Amino acid sequence: MSVTYASAALALCLAAAGAGALGYSTGYTRGARDVRGEQAAQQAAQLSDQVRGMRADLQASAASSSQLRAGLARLERHQTSSTQELKNALQKNAADPVLCRFDADSMRIIDAARAAAAQAAAGGIRGALPAAD
């Protein structure tokens, strides 16, 4: 009978060791899966934040582009208008091109064009440029 008890005890020890190994393996697998799930959730949150940031940058870029197009359109309208005014003023002097005398209107238009060009060169299309640091 002692052999039977020894066999039973050995079988019980082997069963306990097998159950412990199975439990450890199952727990390790679940733990690894949970950690991978947490990491994936963190990565998804980071990617979501990056996408939100990119979306905000894209919207700011579109707004800036729209402002730039509006500024260029205003500049083009102003230049077309001042060019036509200058042509009209120069037509007044077309009869005497040798003397090249400009009347007060022509000089006012030329001076206004010079001032506008200087302002655009120093201040940009959409307004004054920021001061240098």
C-alpha atoms as a PDB file:
ATOM      1  CA  MET A   1       0.000   0.000   0.000  1.00  0.00           C
ATOM      2  CA  SER A   2       2.857   2.321   0.566  1.00  0.00           C
ATOM      3  CA  VAL A   3       3.587   2.141  -3.119  1.00  0.00           C
ATOM      4  CA  THR A   4       0.001   3.164  -3.822  1.00  0.00           C
ATOM      5  CA  TYR A   5       0.224   6.097  -1.447  1.00  0.00           C
ATOM      6  CA  ALA A   6       3.547   7.093  -2.963  1.00  0.00           C
ATOM      7  CA  SER A   7       2.104   6.827  -6.456  1.00  0.00           C
ATOM      8  CA  ALA A   8      -0.928   8.831  -5.420  1.00  0.00           C
ATOM      9  CA  ALA A   9       1.246  11.426  -3.723  1.00  0.00           C
ATOM     10  CA  LEU A  10       3.475  11.621  -6.789  1.00  0.00           C
ATOM     11  CA  ALA A  11       0.440  11.924  -9.048  1.00  0.00           C
ATOM     12  CA  LEU A  12      -0.985  14.628  -6.783  1.00  0.00           C
ATOM     13  CA  CYS A  13       2.328  16.530  -6.844  1.00  0.00           C
ATOM     14  CA  LEU A  14       2.531  16.223 -10.612  1.00  0.00           C
ATOM     15  CA  ALA A  15      -1.067  17.402 -10.973  1.00  0.00           C
ATOM     16  CA  ALA A  16      -0.407  20.367  -8.664  1.00  0.00           C
ATOM     17  CA  ALA A  17       2.756  21.248 -10.570  1.00  0.00           C
ATOM     18  CA  GLY A  18       0.890  20.947 -13.882  1.00  0.00           C
ATOM     19  CA  ALA A  19      -1.959  23.097 -12.606  1.00  0.00           C
ATOM     20  CA  GLY A  20       0.536  25.678 -11.313  1.00  0.00           C
ATOM     21  CA  ALA A  21       2.375  25.742 -14.639  1.00  0.00           C
ATOM     22  CA  LEU A  22      -0.925  26.032 -16.531  1.00  0.00           C
ATOM     23  CA  GLY A  23      -2.072  28.820 -14.225  1.00  0.00           C
ATOM     24  CA  TYR A  24       1.235  30.661 -14.601  1.00  0.00           C
ATOM     25  CA  SER A  25       1.151  30.301 -18.371  1.00  0.00           C
ATOM     26  CA  THR A  26      -2.459  31.475 -18.594  1.00  0.00           C
ATOM     27  CA  GLY A  27      -1.805  34.428 -16.267  1.00  0.00           C
ATOM     28  CA  TYR A  28       1.331  35.415 -18.170  1.00  0.00           C
ATOM     29  CA  THR A  29      -0.507  35.270 -21.487  1.00  0.00           C
ATOM     30  CA  ARG A  30      -3.392  37.363 -20.157  1.00  0.00           C
ATOM     31  CA  GLY A  31      -1.001  39.871 -18.582  1.00  0.00           C
ATOM     32  CA  ALA A  32       0.972  40.226 -21.817  1.00  0.00           C
ATOM     33  CA  ARG A  33      -2.274  40.686 -23.767  1.00  0.00           C
ATOM     34  CA  ASP A  34      -3.483  43.336 -21.288  1.00  0.00           C
ATOM     35  CA  VAL A  35      -0.174  45.229 -21.535  1.00  0.00           C
ATOM     36  CA  ARG A  36      -0.313  45.135 -25.345  1.00  0.00           C
ATOM     37  CA  GLY A  37      -3.891  46.408 -25.166  1.00  0.00           C
ATOM     38  CA  GLU A  38      -2.868  49.306 -22.905  1.00  0.00           C
ATOM     39  CA  GLN A  39       0.027  50.176 -25.205  1.00  0.00           C
ATOM     40  CA  ALA A  40      -2.255  50.080 -28.236  1.00  0.00           C
ATOM     41  CA  ALA A  41      -4.740  52.354 -26.462  1.00  0.00           C
ATOM     42  CA  GLN A  42      -1.952  54.819 -25.601  1.00  0.00           C
ATOM     43  CA  GLN A  43      -0.700  54.793 -29.184  1.00  0.00           C
ATOM     44  CA  ALA A  44      -4.228  55.340 -30.486  1.00  0.00           C
ATOM     45  CA  ALA A  45      -4.658  58.307 -28.138  1.00  0.00           C
ATOM     46  CA  GLN A  46      -1.334  59.782 -29.265  1.00  0.00           C
ATOM     47  CA  LEU A  47      -2.248  59.342 -32.929  1.00  0.00           C
ATOM     48  CA  SER A  48      -5.621  60.916 -32.302  1.00  0.00           C
ATOM     49  CA  ASP A  49      -3.929  63.921 -30.674  1.00  0.00           C
ATOM     50  CA  GLN A  50      -1.562  64.210 -33.634  1.00  0.00           C
ATOM     51  CA  VAL A  51      -4.446  64.079 -36.101  1.00  0.00           C
ATOM     52  CA  ARG A  52      -6.268  66.818 -34.147  1.00  0.00           C
ATOM     53  CA  GLY A  53      -3.111  68.934 -34.225  1.00  0.00           C
ATOM     54  CA  MET A  54      -2.691  68.394 -37.958  1.00  0.00           C
ATOM     55  CA  ARG A  55      -6.338  69.275 -38.543  1.00  0.00           C
ATOM     56  CA  ALA A  56      -5.889  72.538 -36.600  1.00  0.00           C
ATOM     57  CA  ASP A  57      -2.709  73.319 -38.563  1.00  0.00           C
ATOM     58  CA  LEU A  58      -4.515  72.621 -41.837  1.00  0.00           C
ATOM     59  CA  GLN A  59      -7.400  74.916 -40.877  1.00  0.00           C
ATOM     60  CA  ALA A  60      -4.958  77.675 -39.885  1.00  0.00           C
ATOM     61  CA  SER A  61      -3.122  77.214 -43.174  1.00  0.00           C
ATOM     62  CA  ALA A  62      -6.374  77.438 -45.137  1.00  0.00           C
ATOM     63  CA  ALA A  63      -7.346  80.622 -43.280  1.00  0.00           C
ATOM     64  CA  SER A  64      -3.914  82.141 -43.925  1.00  0.00           C
ATOM     65  CA  SER A  65      -4.111  81.186 -47.584  1.00  0.00           C
ATOM     66  CA  SER A  66      -7.539  82.777 -47.852  1.00  0.00           C
ATOM     67  CA  GLN A  67      -6.246  85.984 -46.252  1.00  0.00           C
ATOM     68  CA  LEU A  68      -3.293  86.004 -48.627  1.00  0.00           C
ATOM     69  CA  ARG A  69      -5.563  85.551 -51.664  1.00  0.00           C
ATOM     70  CA  ALA A  70      -7.779  88.392 -50.440  1.00  0.00           C
ATOM     71  CA  GLY A  71      -4.718  90.608 -49.928  1.00  0.00           C
ATOM     72  CA  LEU A  72      -3.423  89.825 -53.402  1.00  0.00           C
ATOM     73  CA  ALA A  73      -6.848  90.561 -54.907  1.00  0.00           C
ATOM     74  CA  ARG A  74      -6.944  93.953 -53.110  1.00  0.00           C
ATOM     75  CA  LEU A  75      -3.420  94.710 -54.292  1.00  0.00           C
ATOM     76  CA  GLU A  76      -4.289  93.793 -57.880  1.00  0.00           C
ATOM     77  CA  ARG A  77      -7.441  95.970 -57.816  1.00  0.00           C
ATOM     78  CA  HIS A  78      -5.450  98.890 -56.406  1.00  0.00           C
ATOM     79  CA  GLN A  79      -2.674  98.477 -58.967  1.00  0.00           C
ATOM     80  CA  THR A  80      -5.155  98.235 -61.836  1.00  0.00           C
ATOM     81  CA  SER A  81      -6.923 101.362 -60.621  1.00  0.00           C
ATOM     82  CA  SER A  82      -3.732 103.385 -60.139  1.00  0.00           C
ATOM     83  CA  THR A  83      -2.373 102.247 -63.515  1.00  0.00           C
ATOM     84  CA  GLN A  84      -5.565 103.387 -65.217  1.00  0.00           C
ATOM     85  CA  GLU A  85      -5.456 106.713 -63.370  1.00  0.00           C
ATOM     86  CA  LEU A  86      -1.864 107.249 -64.483  1.00  0.00           C
ATOM     87  CA  LYS A  87      -2.718 106.375 -68.085  1.00  0.00           C
ATOM     88  CA  ASN A  88      -5.598 108.853 -68.002  1.00  0.00           C
ATOM     89  CA  ALA A  89      -3.362 111.551 -66.503  1.00  0.00           C
ATOM     90  CA  LEU A  90      -0.666 110.936 -69.110  1.00  0.00           C
ATOM     91  CA  GLN A  91      -3.253 111.200 -71.883  1.00  0.00           C
ATOM     92  CA  LYS A  92      -3.633 114.842 -70.904  1.00  0.00           C
ATOM     93  CA  ASN A  93      -0.007 115.396 -71.903  1.00  0.00           C
ATOM     94  CA  ALA A  94      -0.130 113.318 -75.073  1.00  0.00           C
ATOM     95  CA  ALA A  95      -0.311 116.439 -77.232  1.00  0.00           C
ATOM     96  CA  ASP A  96       3.109 117.669 -76.066  1.00  0.00           C
ATOM     97  CA  PRO A  97       5.303 114.577 -75.470  1.00  0.00           C
ATOM     98  CA  VAL A  98       8.582 116.423 -76.098  1.00  0.00           C
ATOM     99  CA  LEU A  99       8.305 118.633 -73.033  1.00  0.00           C
ATOM    100  CA  CYS A 100       7.163 115.766 -70.784  1.00  0.00           C
ATOM    101  CA  ARG A 101       5.495 118.062 -68.333  1.00  0.00           C
ATOM    102  CA  PHE A 102       3.246 116.433 -65.801  1.00  0.00           C
ATOM    103  CA  ASP A 103       0.343 118.251 -64.288  1.00  0.00           C
ATOM    104  CA  ALA A 104      -0.492 118.140 -60.584  1.00  0.00           C
ATOM    105  CA  ASP A 105      -2.815 115.113 -60.999  1.00  0.00           C
ATOM    106  CA  SER A 106      -0.079 113.092 -62.683  1.00  0.00           C
ATOM    107  CA  MET A 107       2.439 113.989 -59.990  1.00  0.00           C
ATOM    108  CA  ARG A 108      -0.066 113.138 -57.236  1.00  0.00           C
ATOM    109  CA  ILE A 109      -0.734 109.736 -58.810  1.00  0.00           C
ATOM    110  CA  ILE A 110       2.980 109.016 -59.268  1.00  0.00           C
ATOM    111  CA  ASP A 111       3.702 110.021 -55.666  1.00  0.00           C
ATOM    112  CA  ALA A 112       0.823 107.873 -54.381  1.00  0.00           C
ATOM    113  CA  ALA A 113       2.102 104.915 -56.416  1.00  0.00           C
ATOM    114  CA  ARG A 114       5.619 105.423 -55.019  1.00  0.00           C
ATOM    115  CA  ALA A 115       4.279 105.543 -51.454  1.00  0.00           C
ATOM    116  CA  ALA A 116       2.138 102.442 -51.989  1.00  0.00           C
ATOM    117  CA  ALA A 117       5.097 100.530 -53.458  1.00  0.00           C
ATOM    118  CA  ALA A 118       7.306 101.557 -50.546  1.00  0.00           C
ATOM    119  CA  GLN A 119       4.634 100.488 -48.036  1.00  0.00           C
ATOM    120  CA  ALA A 120       4.130  97.136 -49.780  1.00  0.00           C
ATOM    121  CA  ALA A 121       7.888  96.524 -49.862  1.00  0.00           C
ATOM    122  CA  ALA A 122       8.295  97.392 -46.183  1.00  0.00           C
ATOM    123  CA  GLY A 123       5.019  96.090 -44.849  1.00  0.00           C
ATOM    124  CA  GLY A 124       4.007  93.103 -46.937  1.00  0.00           C
ATOM    125  CA  ILE A 125       0.766  92.424 -48.731  1.00  0.00           C
ATOM    126  CA  ARG A 126      -1.445  91.827 -45.690  1.00  0.00           C
ATOM    127  CA  GLY A 127      -0.120  94.615 -43.499  1.00  0.00           C
ATOM    128  CA  ALA A 128       2.901  95.545 -41.466  1.00  0.00           C
ATOM    129  CA  LEU A 129       5.555  92.926 -40.927  1.00  0.00           C
ATOM    130  CA  PRO A 130       6.498  92.030 -37.346  1.00  0.00           C
ATOM    131  CA  ALA A 131       9.434  93.866 -35.832  1.00  0.00           C
ATOM    132  CA  ALA A 132      12.774  92.083 -35.791  1.00  0.00           C
ATOM    133  CA  ASP A 133      13.793  90.678 -32.425  1.00  0.00           C
END
